[in-house]
Amino acid sequence: MRKVIAATFLSLDGVMQAPGTPEEDPTGGFAYGGWIVNYWDELLGQVMGEAMAAPFDLLLGRKTYDIFAAHWPYIEGDAIAEKFNAATKYVATSSTQPLVWNQALALHDPAADVARLKQEDGPALLIQGSGQLVQTLLAHNLIDRFTVLVFPLLLGRGKRFFGSGTVPAALTLVDSKVSSTGVTMATYVREGDIRTGSFAPREPSERERARREKMKREG
């Protein structure tokens, strides 16, 4: 079986939009494109290299595919460009327009198609960017591993990685690092369902019981 792996750059308040350049995705009036650039250091490059060390196919939304297809085929002498150009690209799209980047295949029913791909033999499916596709996969519980790089800034608005449709799940931290610029880099895998508990006394006070009843009425 194949694993779906999401590697993403996030602001501290969860925004993933346009991390690399101002022109990447200015939709919605987003004015901070390129927000990761001044935080990049050697360790960040090393972590991203490790995330792409094993064989992978790319899993992309159509907008991210268009960004990548206009960039990576024209980059020479770069290890990531070589990997991306050689990989099979699975692209979630509603369009019937041809996908011109080599080895690109359209997925017209992303949730069903990714679930099918996961059952096949082959390399991992690596998601880059692709916020809309990520929302679909999170809503169908299809992402197995998260490498999350959280940058020390607040963007306030923009497209977010974890949306309201995310299926609740427990995760296990399997690796973590901190860059010289304060970026936290953590990798998580799914552990199963969330297990809840309580720090409250076994017998609540009268005031606490009243508070709970009030919350029920207000809910």
Protein backbone atom coordinates (compact mmCIF):
# COMPACT_ATOMS: atom_id res chain seq x y z
CA MET A 1 0.00 0.00 0.00
CA ARG A 2 1.09 3.55 -0.71
CA LYS A 3 1.21 6.31 1.90
CA VAL A 4 0.02 9.87 1.35
CA ILE A 5 2.52 12.35 2.80
CA ALA A 6 1.85 16.07 3.17
CA ALA A 7 4.82 18.41 3.57
CA THR A 8 3.72 21.99 4.18
CA PHE A 9 4.90 25.44 5.22
CA LEU A 10 2.61 27.13 7.75
CA SER A 11 2.49 30.44 9.56
CA LEU A 12 1.91 30.22 13.31
CA ASP A 13 -1.78 30.94 12.70
CA GLY A 14 -2.05 28.14 10.14
CA VAL A 15 -1.85 29.94 6.78
CA MET A 16 -0.22 28.04 3.89
CA GLN A 17 -0.86 30.47 1.02
CA ALA A 18 1.94 31.63 -1.30
CA PRO A 19 4.99 30.85 0.83
CA GLY A 20 7.57 31.18 -1.94
CA THR A 21 6.95 34.33 -4.02
CA PRO A 22 4.59 37.34 -4.14
CA GLU A 23 3.28 36.15 -7.53
CA GLU A 24 2.57 32.58 -6.41
CA ASP A 25 -1.04 33.05 -5.26
CA PRO A 26 -2.33 36.57 -4.58
CA THR A 27 -6.00 35.49 -4.67
CA GLY A 28 -8.27 36.99 -2.03
CA GLY A 29 -6.00 40.02 -1.84
CA PHE A 30 -3.23 38.07 -0.09
CA ALA A 31 -0.35 40.53 0.26
CA TYR A 32 2.41 38.51 1.93
CA GLY A 33 3.54 36.06 -0.75
CA GLY A 34 7.13 34.94 -0.18
CA TRP A 35 6.83 34.91 3.60
CA ILE A 36 9.21 31.95 4.15
CA VAL A 37 12.17 33.35 2.21
CA ASN A 38 13.88 35.32 4.98
CA TYR A 39 13.64 32.38 7.39
CA TRP A 40 15.40 29.83 5.18
CA ASP A 41 18.60 28.26 6.51
CA GLU A 42 20.73 25.17 5.98
CA LEU A 43 18.70 22.98 8.34
CA LEU A 44 15.46 23.81 6.54
CA GLY A 45 17.03 22.77 3.27
CA GLN A 46 18.25 19.56 4.88
CA VAL A 47 14.78 18.70 6.26
CA MET A 48 13.15 19.29 2.88
CA GLY A 49 15.82 17.17 1.24
CA GLU A 50 15.14 14.35 3.69
CA ALA A 51 11.40 14.61 2.98
CA MET A 52 12.17 13.95 -0.68
CA ALA A 53 14.97 11.42 -0.25
CA ALA A 54 12.83 8.30 -0.74
CA PRO A 55 11.10 7.64 -4.08
CA PHE A 56 7.79 9.47 -4.50
CA ASP A 57 5.08 10.48 -6.93
CA LEU A 58 3.61 13.97 -6.69
CA LEU A 59 0.00 14.57 -5.70
CA LEU A 60 -1.05 18.09 -6.69
CA GLY A 61 -4.05 20.35 -7.02
CA ARG A 62 -4.47 22.04 -10.38
CA LYS A 63 -3.28 25.48 -9.20
CA THR A 64 -0.12 24.06 -7.64
CA TYR A 65 0.45 21.94 -10.75
CA ASP A 66 0.27 25.09 -12.90
CA ILE A 67 2.77 26.87 -10.59
CA PHE A 68 5.17 23.92 -10.66
CA ALA A 69 4.81 23.28 -14.41
CA ALA A 70 5.77 26.90 -15.10
CA HIS A 71 8.86 26.64 -12.86
CA TRP A 72 10.53 23.27 -12.35
CA PRO A 73 10.99 22.19 -16.00
CA TYR A 74 13.08 25.31 -16.53
CA ILE A 75 15.42 24.84 -13.57
CA GLU A 76 18.74 23.16 -14.32
CA GLY A 77 21.29 21.59 -11.99
CA ASP A 78 18.92 21.38 -9.03
CA ALA A 79 18.26 18.10 -7.18
CA ILE A 80 14.62 18.90 -6.36
CA ALA A 81 13.93 19.94 -9.97
CA GLU A 82 15.34 16.63 -11.16
CA LYS A 83 13.10 14.68 -8.77
CA PHE A 84 9.97 16.68 -9.58
CA ASN A 85 10.52 16.52 -13.33
CA ALA A 86 11.08 12.75 -13.21
CA ALA A 87 8.16 11.94 -10.88
CA THR A 88 4.70 10.90 -11.96
CA LYS A 89 2.36 13.80 -11.24
CA TYR A 90 -1.22 13.01 -10.18
CA VAL A 91 -3.25 16.20 -10.59
CA ALA A 92 -6.69 16.82 -9.07
CA THR A 93 -8.57 18.85 -11.66
CA SER A 94 -12.04 19.42 -13.06
CA SER A 95 -10.57 20.66 -16.33
CA THR A 96 -10.20 18.57 -19.48
CA GLN A 97 -7.33 20.72 -20.72
CA PRO A 98 -4.16 18.68 -21.34
CA LEU A 99 -1.49 18.43 -18.67
CA VAL A 100 1.69 19.27 -20.54
CA TRP A 101 4.31 18.58 -17.84
CA ASN A 102 5.76 15.14 -18.46
CA GLN A 103 4.16 12.16 -16.70
CA ALA A 104 1.15 14.13 -15.47
CA LEU A 105 -2.15 12.29 -15.01
CA ALA A 106 -5.53 13.86 -14.19
CA LEU A 107 -7.64 12.85 -11.19
CA HIS A 108 -11.26 13.92 -11.71
CA ASP A 109 -12.60 12.37 -8.48
CA PRO A 110 -9.75 13.13 -6.04
CA ALA A 111 -11.05 11.34 -2.93
CA ALA A 112 -11.93 8.13 -4.77
CA ASP A 113 -8.86 8.26 -7.01
CA VAL A 114 -6.43 8.81 -4.14
CA ALA A 115 -8.08 6.04 -2.10
CA ARG A 116 -7.56 3.75 -5.10
CA LEU A 117 -3.93 4.83 -5.57
CA LYS A 118 -3.23 4.11 -1.90
CA GLN A 119 -4.21 0.47 -2.45
CA GLU A 120 -1.65 0.03 -5.23
CA ASP A 121 2.02 -0.83 -5.03
CA GLY A 122 4.39 2.04 -5.67
CA PRO A 123 6.17 4.98 -4.10
CA ALA A 124 4.65 7.36 -1.58
CA LEU A 125 2.31 10.09 -2.80
CA LEU A 126 3.83 13.44 -1.80
CA ILE A 127 1.56 16.50 -1.54
CA GLN A 128 3.11 19.92 -2.07
CA GLY A 129 0.95 23.03 -1.60
CA SER A 130 -2.46 22.16 -3.10
CA GLY A 131 -4.66 23.64 -0.40
CA GLN A 132 -8.01 22.72 -1.96
CA LEU A 133 -6.91 19.13 -2.56
CA VAL A 134 -5.60 18.94 1.01
CA GLN A 135 -9.05 19.90 2.34
CA THR A 136 -10.63 17.07 0.36
CA LEU A 137 -8.08 14.52 1.58
CA LEU A 138 -8.35 15.66 5.21
CA ALA A 139 -12.14 15.38 5.03
CA HIS A 140 -11.78 11.77 3.85
CA ASN A 141 -8.99 10.86 6.30
CA LEU A 142 -6.56 10.03 3.48
CA ILE A 143 -3.32 11.70 4.67
CA ASP A 144 -1.03 9.33 6.57
CA ARG A 145 1.97 11.50 7.43
CA PHE A 146 2.42 15.23 8.01
CA THR A 147 5.69 17.15 7.87
CA VAL A 148 4.75 20.60 9.15
CA LEU A 149 7.18 23.52 9.09
CA VAL A 150 5.77 26.32 11.26
CA PHE A 151 7.29 29.76 10.74
CA PRO A 152 7.34 32.37 13.54
CA LEU A 153 4.96 34.92 12.05
CA LEU A 154 1.23 35.67 11.97
CA LEU A 155 -0.40 36.30 8.58
CA GLY A 156 -3.92 36.96 9.82
CA ARG A 157 -5.67 35.92 6.63
CA GLY A 158 -5.11 33.50 3.80
CA LYS A 159 -5.71 29.89 2.83
CA ARG A 160 -5.27 27.47 5.72
CA PHE A 161 -4.00 23.91 5.76
CA PHE A 162 -6.37 22.50 8.39
CA GLY A 163 -9.93 23.51 7.51
CA SER A 164 -13.27 22.92 9.19
CA GLY A 165 -13.75 19.61 7.37
CA THR A 166 -10.70 17.94 8.94
CA VAL A 167 -11.54 14.57 10.47
CA PRO A 168 -10.41 14.51 14.15
CA ALA A 169 -7.50 12.12 14.75
CA ALA A 170 -4.67 11.48 17.20
CA LEU A 171 -1.12 11.86 15.89
CA THR A 172 2.30 10.68 17.04
CA LEU A 173 5.36 12.93 16.76
CA VAL A 174 8.17 10.96 15.09
CA ASP A 175 10.71 13.73 14.46
CA SER A 176 11.25 17.38 15.39
CA LYS A 177 13.84 20.08 14.84
CA VAL A 178 14.14 23.85 15.22
CA SER A 179 15.99 26.01 12.70
CA SER A 180 18.36 28.85 13.50
CA THR A 181 15.58 31.24 12.45
CA GLY A 182 12.97 29.81 14.82
CA VAL A 183 11.12 27.55 12.40
CA THR A 184 9.79 24.41 14.07
CA MET A 185 9.84 21.31 11.88
CA ALA A 186 7.79 18.35 13.04
CA THR A 187 6.71 15.10 11.43
CA TYR A 188 3.59 13.27 12.62
CA VAL A 189 1.94 9.99 11.74
CA ARG A 190 -1.60 8.91 12.49
CA GLU A 191 -2.13 7.06 15.77
CA GLY A 192 -5.88 6.46 15.70
CA ASP A 193 -8.88 8.03 17.38
CA ILE A 194 -8.65 10.87 19.90
CA ARG A 195 -8.77 9.70 23.52
CA THR A 196 -10.29 12.22 25.91
CA GLY A 197 -10.05 12.54 29.68
CA SER A 198 -10.81 15.00 32.45
CA PHE A 199 -8.96 16.89 35.18
CA ALA A 200 -12.25 17.75 36.89
CA PRO A 201 -13.08 16.29 40.33
CA ARG A 202 -15.27 13.19 40.32
CA GLU A 203 -18.03 15.11 42.12
CA PRO A 204 -18.53 18.61 40.64
CA SER A 205 -19.47 21.52 42.87
CA GLU A 206 -22.98 22.95 42.83
CA ARG A 207 -21.67 26.00 41.00
CA GLU A 208 -19.97 23.76 38.42
CA ARG A 209 -23.19 21.81 37.85
CA ALA A 210 -25.02 25.08 37.30
CA ARG A 211 -22.35 26.23 34.86
CA ARG A 212 -22.67 22.99 32.86
CA GLU A 213 -26.43 23.36 32.63
CA LYS A 214 -25.99 26.92 31.42
CA MET A 215 -23.57 25.76 28.73
CA LYS A 216 -26.07 23.15 27.54
CA ARG A 217 -28.77 25.81 27.21
CA GLU A 218 -26.45 28.18 25.36
CA GLY A 219 -25.15 25.41 23.07
